[in-house]
Amino acid sequence: MDTKNLESLLASIQSHDLSVDEGLKKLKHFFYQDIGHTKIDNHRQVRTGYPEVIYCSGKTPRQVQDIFRAMLEGDKNVIATRAGRETYEAVRELIPEVEYHETARIITLMRNEIPTVQTRVSVVTAGTSDMPVAEEAAVTAGFFGNPVRRFYDVGVAGIHRLQKNIADIADARVVVVIAGMEGALPSVVGGMVDVPVIAVPTSIGYGANFQGLSALLGMLTSCASGVSVVNIDNGFGAGYMASMINQLK
């Protein structure tokens, strides 16, 4: 239940179109719903403006299916991250209309139209190998009503590719920059745009990359102002934060 539905429910009780007992039944699972293995936070959208997101890694396909079933009772839009194909197939058995974004490893279910804002988010990668993390960010931002433009494989090893696209990249309210190896691209972009840059280190790279640690440290020590950093391979966190920034009034 979101704020709009809660207001409608309270108005129905006030106008006597709905009895207090009927209202209490509808509010039974307002704060959270306990389905045994999971307690679903139904109140999160009222508190934060964004619904609970299902993180599938570590959950069985059946557990994810159970969570989708419970969330359907509230007629919600649902997004599930880090979902493998086996998990998607299990959810699709229950809800045929779910969509699977394979590169991003995200399952989405759209039951209600989300208003689209006018300003947009740019998602930029250093290399093609960074696309899974970039798609996680792009699909997440798009799910929450943000227009997204993708600029892939424009890293510092061929800086002319970035220079050719920088005007279009900068034509956004926030830029998400994904890079592995030494993680230099966010610093370069941060020095060329006048909007916030969210840097995402990836685990792409050879031995001394330390599975993304070298990129993370490089981004954290960026000399460019306006660059903030999320965790290694955390495309979802970047897309979520980009949405919050892009929708600030």
C-alpha atoms as a PDB file:
ATOM      1  CA  MET A   1       0.000   0.000   0.000  1.00  0.00           C
ATOM      2  CA  ASP A   2       1.412   3.370  -1.040  1.00  0.00           C
ATOM      3  CA  THR A   3       0.494   6.851   0.202  1.00  0.00           C
ATOM      4  CA  LYS A   4      -2.175   7.342  -2.463  1.00  0.00           C
ATOM      5  CA  ASN A   5      -3.929   4.085  -1.585  1.00  0.00           C
ATOM      6  CA  LEU A   6      -3.709   4.852   2.130  1.00  0.00           C
ATOM      7  CA  GLU A   7      -5.299   8.281   1.612  1.00  0.00           C
ATOM      8  CA  SER A   8      -8.075   6.682  -0.444  1.00  0.00           C
ATOM      9  CA  LEU A   9      -8.711   4.084   2.264  1.00  0.00           C
ATOM     10  CA  LEU A  10      -8.911   6.703   5.028  1.00  0.00           C
ATOM     11  CA  ALA A  11     -11.216   8.871   2.908  1.00  0.00           C
ATOM     12  CA  SER A  12     -13.517   5.868   2.350  1.00  0.00           C
ATOM     13  CA  ILE A  13     -13.739   5.304   6.104  1.00  0.00           C
ATOM     14  CA  GLN A  14     -14.364   9.007   6.729  1.00  0.00           C
ATOM     15  CA  SER A  15     -17.202   9.070   4.159  1.00  0.00           C
ATOM     16  CA  HIS A  16     -18.668   5.811   5.584  1.00  0.00           C
ATOM     17  CA  ASP A  17     -18.238   4.032   2.256  1.00  0.00           C
ATOM     18  CA  LEU A  18     -16.058   1.588   4.181  1.00  0.00           C
ATOM     19  CA  SER A  19     -16.618   0.389   7.740  1.00  0.00           C
ATOM     20  CA  VAL A  20     -13.892   0.603  10.367  1.00  0.00           C
ATOM     21  CA  ASP A  21     -13.747  -3.211  10.505  1.00  0.00           C
ATOM     22  CA  GLU A  22     -13.330  -3.431   6.735  1.00  0.00           C
ATOM     23  CA  GLY A  23     -10.613  -0.795   6.910  1.00  0.00           C
ATOM     24  CA  LEU A  24      -8.796  -2.738   9.625  1.00  0.00           C
ATOM     25  CA  LYS A  25      -8.852  -5.853   7.441  1.00  0.00           C
ATOM     26  CA  LYS A  26      -7.247  -3.911   4.596  1.00  0.00           C
ATOM     27  CA  LEU A  27      -4.639  -2.518   6.990  1.00  0.00           C
ATOM     28  CA  LYS A  28      -3.840  -5.929   8.490  1.00  0.00           C
ATOM     29  CA  HIS A  29      -0.586  -6.251   6.544  1.00  0.00           C
ATOM     30  CA  PHE A  30       0.110  -2.529   6.279  1.00  0.00           C
ATOM     31  CA  PHE A  31       3.436  -2.527   8.150  1.00  0.00           C
ATOM     32  CA  TYR A  32       4.792  -5.922   7.179  1.00  0.00           C
ATOM     33  CA  GLN A  33       3.598  -9.341   6.130  1.00  0.00           C
ATOM     34  CA  ASP A  34       5.190 -12.421   7.660  1.00  0.00           C
ATOM     35  CA  ILE A  35       5.253 -15.347   5.204  1.00  0.00           C
ATOM     36  CA  GLY A  36       7.532 -17.537   7.310  1.00  0.00           C
ATOM     37  CA  HIS A  37      10.922 -17.237   5.645  1.00  0.00           C
ATOM     38  CA  THR A  38      10.468 -13.529   4.845  1.00  0.00           C
ATOM     39  CA  LYS A  39       8.873 -10.464   6.418  1.00  0.00           C
ATOM     40  CA  ILE A  40       7.741  -8.215   3.557  1.00  0.00           C
ATOM     41  CA  ASP A  41       8.030  -4.499   4.355  1.00  0.00           C
ATOM     42  CA  ASN A  42       4.729  -3.154   2.987  1.00  0.00           C
ATOM     43  CA  HIS A  43       5.248   0.188   4.739  1.00  0.00           C
ATOM     44  CA  ARG A  44       8.503   1.048   2.952  1.00  0.00           C
ATOM     45  CA  GLN A  45       6.931   2.969   0.067  1.00  0.00           C
ATOM     46  CA  VAL A  46       5.013   5.192   2.495  1.00  0.00           C
ATOM     47  CA  ARG A  47       8.238   5.889   4.443  1.00  0.00           C
ATOM     48  CA  THR A  48      10.688   6.305   1.580  1.00  0.00           C
ATOM     49  CA  GLY A  49       8.691   6.713  -1.647  1.00  0.00           C
ATOM     50  CA  TYR A  50      10.102   3.449  -3.023  1.00  0.00           C
ATOM     51  CA  PRO A  51       8.738  -0.086  -2.511  1.00  0.00           C
ATOM     52  CA  GLU A  52      10.727  -2.990  -1.112  1.00  0.00           C
ATOM     53  CA  VAL A  53      12.999  -4.653  -3.673  1.00  0.00           C
ATOM     54  CA  ILE A  54      13.565  -8.415  -3.754  1.00  0.00           C
ATOM     55  CA  TYR A  55      17.259  -9.373  -3.610  1.00  0.00           C
ATOM     56  CA  CYS A  56      17.292 -12.904  -5.044  1.00  0.00           C
ATOM     57  CA  SER A  57      20.877 -13.961  -4.398  1.00  0.00           C
ATOM     58  CA  GLY A  58      20.892 -16.494  -1.569  1.00  0.00           C
ATOM     59  CA  LYS A  59      17.140 -17.129  -1.864  1.00  0.00           C
ATOM     60  CA  THR A  60      15.714 -20.261  -3.477  1.00  0.00           C
ATOM     61  CA  PRO A  61      13.502 -19.899  -6.569  1.00  0.00           C
ATOM     62  CA  ARG A  62      10.560 -21.093  -4.444  1.00  0.00           C
ATOM     63  CA  GLN A  63      11.194 -18.406  -1.812  1.00  0.00           C
ATOM     64  CA  VAL A  64      11.259 -15.698  -4.477  1.00  0.00           C
ATOM     65  CA  GLN A  65       8.050 -17.108  -5.942  1.00  0.00           C
ATOM     66  CA  ASP A  66       6.424 -16.960  -2.480  1.00  0.00           C
ATOM     67  CA  ILE A  67       7.471 -13.317  -2.072  1.00  0.00           C
ATOM     68  CA  PHE A  68       6.044 -12.391  -5.484  1.00  0.00           C
ATOM     69  CA  ARG A  69       2.776 -14.161  -4.571  1.00  0.00           C
ATOM     70  CA  ALA A  70       2.473 -12.186  -1.345  1.00  0.00           C
ATOM     71  CA  MET A  71       3.325  -8.876  -2.986  1.00  0.00           C
ATOM     72  CA  LEU A  72       0.669  -9.501  -5.644  1.00  0.00           C
ATOM     73  CA  GLU A  73      -1.992  -9.160  -2.953  1.00  0.00           C
ATOM     74  CA  GLY A  74      -1.162  -5.470  -2.762  1.00  0.00           C
ATOM     75  CA  ASP A  75      -1.340  -5.053  -6.561  1.00  0.00           C
ATOM     76  CA  LYS A  76       2.194  -3.654  -6.527  1.00  0.00           C
ATOM     77  CA  ASN A  77       4.885  -3.155  -9.117  1.00  0.00           C
ATOM     78  CA  VAL A  78       7.709  -5.522  -8.215  1.00  0.00           C
ATOM     79  CA  ILE A  79      11.414  -5.535  -9.033  1.00  0.00           C
ATOM     80  CA  ALA A  80      13.739  -8.409  -8.134  1.00  0.00           C
ATOM     81  CA  THR A  81      17.513  -8.135  -8.545  1.00  0.00           C
ATOM     82  CA  ARG A  82      20.305 -10.709  -8.974  1.00  0.00           C
ATOM     83  CA  ALA A  83      17.835 -13.239 -10.331  1.00  0.00           C
ATOM     84  CA  GLY A  84      19.082 -16.218 -12.334  1.00  0.00           C
ATOM     85  CA  ARG A  85      17.042 -17.816 -15.101  1.00  0.00           C
ATOM     86  CA  GLU A  86      15.895 -20.640 -12.812  1.00  0.00           C
ATOM     87  CA  THR A  87      14.400 -18.081 -10.434  1.00  0.00           C
ATOM     88  CA  TYR A  88      12.755 -16.246 -13.337  1.00  0.00           C
ATOM     89  CA  GLU A  89      11.191 -19.470 -14.636  1.00  0.00           C
ATOM     90  CA  ALA A  90       9.779 -20.211 -11.176  1.00  0.00           C
ATOM     91  CA  VAL A  91       8.220 -16.739 -10.945  1.00  0.00           C
ATOM     92  CA  ARG A  92       6.898 -16.932 -14.517  1.00  0.00           C
ATOM     93  CA  GLU A  93       5.005 -20.141 -13.603  1.00  0.00           C
ATOM     94  CA  LEU A  94       3.058 -18.029 -11.134  1.00  0.00           C
ATOM     95  CA  ILE A  95       2.915 -14.739 -13.083  1.00  0.00           C
ATOM     96  CA  PRO A  96       3.302 -15.178 -16.871  1.00  0.00           C
ATOM     97  CA  GLU A  97       3.505 -11.423 -17.492  1.00  0.00           C
ATOM     98  CA  VAL A  98       6.758 -10.852 -15.589  1.00  0.00           C
ATOM     99  CA  GLU A  99       9.667  -9.575 -17.673  1.00  0.00           C
ATOM    100  CA  TYR A 100      13.235 -10.861 -17.406  1.00  0.00           C
ATOM    101  CA  HIS A 101      16.136  -8.529 -18.157  1.00  0.00           C
ATOM    102  CA  GLU A 102      18.773 -11.198 -18.636  1.00  0.00           C
ATOM    103  CA  THR A 103      21.914  -9.056 -18.840  1.00  0.00           C
ATOM    104  CA  ALA A 104      20.847  -7.111 -15.747  1.00  0.00           C
ATOM    105  CA  ARG A 105      19.604 -10.271 -13.974  1.00  0.00           C
ATOM    106  CA  ILE A 106      16.431  -8.410 -12.988  1.00  0.00           C
ATOM    107  CA  ILE A 107      12.789  -9.528 -12.955  1.00  0.00           C
ATOM    108  CA  THR A 108      10.143  -6.812 -13.199  1.00  0.00           C
ATOM    109  CA  LEU A 109       6.372  -6.817 -12.878  1.00  0.00           C
ATOM    110  CA  MET A 110       4.500  -3.655 -13.835  1.00  0.00           C
ATOM    111  CA  ARG A 111       0.961  -3.538 -12.474  1.00  0.00           C
ATOM    112  CA  ASN A 112       0.619   0.237 -12.164  1.00  0.00           C
ATOM    113  CA  GLU A 113       1.858   3.000 -14.426  1.00  0.00           C
ATOM    114  CA  ILE A 114       4.744   4.983 -12.956  1.00  0.00           C
ATOM    115  CA  PRO A 115       4.844   8.666 -13.996  1.00  0.00           C
ATOM    116  CA  THR A 116       7.958   9.402 -16.042  1.00  0.00           C
ATOM    117  CA  VAL A 117       9.967  12.489 -15.111  1.00  0.00           C
ATOM    118  CA  GLN A 118      11.255  14.844 -17.794  1.00  0.00           C
ATOM    119  CA  THR A 119      14.932  14.855 -16.811  1.00  0.00           C
ATOM    120  CA  ARG A 120      17.047  11.805 -17.503  1.00  0.00           C
ATOM    121  CA  VAL A 121      19.868   9.617 -16.277  1.00  0.00           C
ATOM    122  CA  SER A 122      22.990   8.806 -18.318  1.00  0.00           C
ATOM    123  CA  VAL A 123      24.577   5.389 -17.784  1.00  0.00           C
ATOM    124  CA  VAL A 124      28.167   5.147 -19.014  1.00  0.00           C
ATOM    125  CA  THR A 125      30.584   2.210 -19.088  1.00  0.00           C
ATOM    126  CA  ALA A 126      34.293   2.022 -19.630  1.00  0.00           C
ATOM    127  CA  GLY A 127      34.048  -1.310 -21.458  1.00  0.00           C
ATOM    128  CA  THR A 128      31.554  -3.784 -22.877  1.00  0.00           C
ATOM    129  CA  SER A 129      32.482  -6.189 -20.071  1.00  0.00           C
ATOM    130  CA  ASP A 130      30.920  -3.735 -17.608  1.00  0.00           C
ATOM    131  CA  MET A 131      27.475  -4.051 -19.246  1.00  0.00           C
ATOM    132  CA  PRO A 132      25.851  -6.429 -16.709  1.00  0.00           C
ATOM    133  CA  VAL A 133      26.417  -3.926 -13.896  1.00  0.00           C
ATOM    134  CA  ALA A 134      25.411  -1.041 -16.155  1.00  0.00           C
ATOM    135  CA  GLU A 135      22.200  -2.767 -17.183  1.00  0.00           C
ATOM    136  CA  GLU A 136      21.364  -3.403 -13.537  1.00  0.00           C
ATOM    137  CA  ALA A 137      21.666   0.353 -12.964  1.00  0.00           C
ATOM    138  CA  ALA A 138      19.785   1.311 -16.135  1.00  0.00           C
ATOM    139  CA  VAL A 139      16.889  -1.118 -15.645  1.00  0.00           C
ATOM    140  CA  THR A 140      16.546  -0.073 -11.996  1.00  0.00           C
ATOM    141  CA  ALA A 141      16.429   3.637 -12.846  1.00  0.00           C
ATOM    142  CA  GLY A 142      14.003   2.990 -15.694  1.00  0.00           C
ATOM    143  CA  PHE A 143      11.701   0.905 -13.488  1.00  0.00           C
ATOM    144  CA  PHE A 144      11.297   3.873 -11.139  1.00  0.00           C
ATOM    145  CA  GLY A 145      10.192   6.229 -13.911  1.00  0.00           C
ATOM    146  CA  ASN A 146      13.454   7.761 -15.164  1.00  0.00           C
ATOM    147  CA  PRO A 147      14.335   8.099 -18.852  1.00  0.00           C
ATOM    148  CA  VAL A 148      17.759   6.481 -19.344  1.00  0.00           C
ATOM    149  CA  ARG A 149      20.369   6.879 -22.082  1.00  0.00           C
ATOM    150  CA  ARG A 150      23.167   4.346 -22.368  1.00  0.00           C
ATOM    151  CA  PHE A 151      26.729   5.099 -23.459  1.00  0.00           C
ATOM    152  CA  TYR A 152      28.718   1.884 -23.442  1.00  0.00           C
ATOM    153  CA  ASP A 153      32.398   1.180 -24.153  1.00  0.00           C
ATOM    154  CA  VAL A 154      33.706   4.760 -23.946  1.00  0.00           C
ATOM    155  CA  GLY A 155      36.596   4.173 -21.532  1.00  0.00           C
ATOM    156  CA  VAL A 156      39.900   5.964 -21.140  1.00  0.00           C
ATOM    157  CA  ALA A 157      41.807   3.471 -23.302  1.00  0.00           C
ATOM    158  CA  GLY A 158      40.181   5.263 -26.242  1.00  0.00           C
ATOM    159  CA  ILE A 159      39.429   8.700 -24.844  1.00  0.00           C
ATOM    160  CA  HIS A 160      38.182   9.979 -28.221  1.00  0.00           C
ATOM    161  CA  ARG A 161      35.084   7.791 -27.780  1.00  0.00           C
ATOM    162  CA  LEU A 162      34.210   9.666 -24.584  1.00  0.00           C
ATOM    163  CA  GLN A 163      34.948  13.067 -26.140  1.00  0.00           C
ATOM    164  CA  LYS A 164      32.579  12.356 -29.014  1.00  0.00           C
ATOM    165  CA  ASN A 165      29.720  11.525 -26.621  1.00  0.00           C
ATOM    166  CA  ILE A 166      30.378  13.843 -23.683  1.00  0.00           C
ATOM    167  CA  ALA A 167      27.823  16.514 -24.653  1.00  0.00           C
ATOM    168  CA  ASP A 168      25.041  13.930 -24.789  1.00  0.00           C
ATOM    169  CA  ILE A 169      26.255  12.274 -21.582  1.00  0.00           C
ATOM    170  CA  ALA A 170      26.218  15.626 -19.773  1.00  0.00           C
ATOM    171  CA  ASP A 171      22.654  16.341 -20.931  1.00  0.00           C
ATOM    172  CA  ALA A 172      21.268  14.579 -17.862  1.00  0.00           C
ATOM    173  CA  ARG A 173      20.538  15.378 -14.242  1.00  0.00           C
ATOM    174  CA  VAL A 174      22.834  12.630 -12.973  1.00  0.00           C
ATOM    175  CA  VAL A 175      25.451  10.389 -14.603  1.00  0.00           C
ATOM    176  CA  VAL A 176      26.213   6.812 -13.524  1.00  0.00           C
ATOM    177  CA  VAL A 177      29.725   5.754 -14.574  1.00  0.00           C
ATOM    178  CA  ILE A 178      30.739   2.088 -14.421  1.00  0.00           C
ATOM    179  CA  ALA A 179      34.352   0.942 -14.767  1.00  0.00           C
ATOM    180  CA  GLY A 180      36.648  -1.911 -13.800  1.00  0.00           C
ATOM    181  CA  MET A 181      40.440  -2.200 -14.196  1.00  0.00           C
ATOM    182  CA  GLU A 182      41.910   0.927 -12.539  1.00  0.00           C
ATOM    183  CA  GLY A 183      38.540   2.723 -12.417  1.00  0.00           C
ATOM    184  CA  ALA A 184      39.693   5.966 -14.052  1.00  0.00           C
ATOM    185  CA  LEU A 185      36.599   6.846 -16.084  1.00  0.00           C
ATOM    186  CA  PRO A 186      34.457   8.476 -13.331  1.00  0.00           C
ATOM    187  CA  SER A 187      37.255  10.966 -12.565  1.00  0.00           C
ATOM    188  CA  VAL A 188      37.470  11.949 -16.215  1.00  0.00           C
ATOM    189  CA  VAL A 189      33.697  12.304 -16.565  1.00  0.00           C
ATOM    190  CA  GLY A 190      33.491  14.137 -13.231  1.00  0.00           C
ATOM    191  CA  GLY A 191      35.859  16.775 -14.581  1.00  0.00           C
ATOM    192  CA  MET A 192      33.737  17.347 -17.695  1.00  0.00           C
ATOM    193  CA  VAL A 193      30.116  17.544 -16.487  1.00  0.00           C
ATOM    194  CA  ASP A 194      28.206  19.869 -14.150  1.00  0.00           C
ATOM    195  CA  VAL A 195      25.911  17.226 -12.626  1.00  0.00           C
ATOM    196  CA  PRO A 196      26.454  14.570  -9.922  1.00  0.00           C
ATOM    197  CA  VAL A 197      28.429  11.482 -10.942  1.00  0.00           C
ATOM    198  CA  ILE A 198      27.772   8.129  -9.289  1.00  0.00           C
ATOM    199  CA  ALA A 199      30.802   5.892  -9.752  1.00  0.00           C
ATOM    200  CA  VAL A 200      30.420   2.104  -9.788  1.00  0.00           C
ATOM    201  CA  PRO A 201      33.572  -0.038  -9.580  1.00  0.00           C
ATOM    202  CA  THR A 202      33.297  -3.460 -11.180  1.00  0.00           C
ATOM    203  CA  SER A 203      35.189  -6.677 -10.578  1.00  0.00           C
ATOM    204  CA  ILE A 204      36.357  -6.690 -14.216  1.00  0.00           C
ATOM    205  CA  GLY A 205      40.159  -6.808 -14.473  1.00  0.00           C
ATOM    206  CA  TYR A 206      43.302  -8.873 -14.058  1.00  0.00           C
ATOM    207  CA  GLY A 207      44.960 -10.059 -10.827  1.00  0.00           C
ATOM    208  CA  ALA A 208      45.997  -6.739  -9.288  1.00  0.00           C
ATOM    209  CA  ASN A 209      42.463  -5.474  -9.805  1.00  0.00           C
ATOM    210  CA  PHE A 210      41.669  -7.599  -6.721  1.00  0.00           C
ATOM    211  CA  GLN A 211      38.119  -8.270  -7.961  1.00  0.00           C
ATOM    212  CA  GLY A 212      37.277  -4.588  -8.124  1.00  0.00           C
ATOM    213  CA  LEU A 213      39.205  -3.298  -5.126  1.00  0.00           C
ATOM    214  CA  SER A 214      41.680  -1.317  -7.242  1.00  0.00           C
ATOM    215  CA  ALA A 215      38.803   0.364  -9.113  1.00  0.00           C
ATOM    216  CA  LEU A 216      37.004   1.090  -5.838  1.00  0.00           C
ATOM    217  CA  LEU A 217      40.076   2.715  -4.277  1.00  0.00           C
ATOM    218  CA  GLY A 218      40.775   4.692  -7.443  1.00  0.00           C
ATOM    219  CA  MET A 219      37.235   6.074  -7.448  1.00  0.00           C
ATOM    220  CA  LEU A 220      37.289   6.858  -3.730  1.00  0.00           C
ATOM    221  CA  THR A 221      40.494   8.861  -4.217  1.00  0.00           C
ATOM    222  CA  SER A 222      39.200  10.711  -7.298  1.00  0.00           C
ATOM    223  CA  CYS A 223      40.459  14.263  -7.658  1.00  0.00           C
ATOM    224  CA  ALA A 224      37.248  15.288  -9.451  1.00  0.00           C
ATOM    225  CA  SER A 225      34.612  16.991  -7.322  1.00  0.00           C
ATOM    226  CA  GLY A 226      31.031  15.767  -7.456  1.00  0.00           C
ATOM    227  CA  VAL A 227      31.893  12.053  -7.706  1.00  0.00           C
ATOM    228  CA  SER A 228      30.384   9.652  -5.165  1.00  0.00           C
ATOM    229  CA  VAL A 229      30.999   5.906  -5.081  1.00  0.00           C
ATOM    230  CA  VAL A 230      28.873   2.819  -4.437  1.00  0.00           C
ATOM    231  CA  ASN A 231      30.057  -0.702  -3.699  1.00  0.00           C
ATOM    232  CA  ILE A 232      31.748  -3.035  -6.181  1.00  0.00           C
ATOM    233  CA  ASP A 233      29.325  -4.294  -8.869  1.00  0.00           C
ATOM    234  CA  ASN A 234      26.414  -2.498  -7.157  1.00  0.00           C
ATOM    235  CA  GLY A 235      24.510  -1.385 -10.238  1.00  0.00           C
ATOM    236  CA  PHE A 236      21.215  -1.525  -8.359  1.00  0.00           C
ATOM    237  CA  GLY A 237      22.439   0.878  -5.677  1.00  0.00           C
ATOM    238  CA  ALA A 238      23.649   3.315  -8.337  1.00  0.00           C
ATOM    239  CA  GLY A 239      20.381   3.145 -10.297  1.00  0.00           C
ATOM    240  CA  TYR A 240      18.322   3.648  -7.138  1.00  0.00           C
ATOM    241  CA  MET A 241      20.389   6.642  -6.018  1.00  0.00           C
ATOM    242  CA  ALA A 242      20.306   8.105  -9.543  1.00  0.00           C
ATOM    243  CA  SER A 243      16.507   7.883  -9.435  1.00  0.00           C
ATOM    244  CA  MET A 244      16.358   9.698  -6.088  1.00  0.00           C
ATOM    245  CA  ILE A 245      18.595  12.504  -7.408  1.00  0.00           C
ATOM    246  CA  ASN A 246      16.777  12.767 -10.740  1.00  0.00           C
ATOM    247  CA  GLN A 247      13.394  13.088  -9.040  1.00  0.00           C
ATOM    248  CA  LEU A 248      14.341  15.726  -6.484  1.00  0.00           C
ATOM    249  CA  LYS A 249      12.035  18.721  -6.742  1.00  0.00           C
END
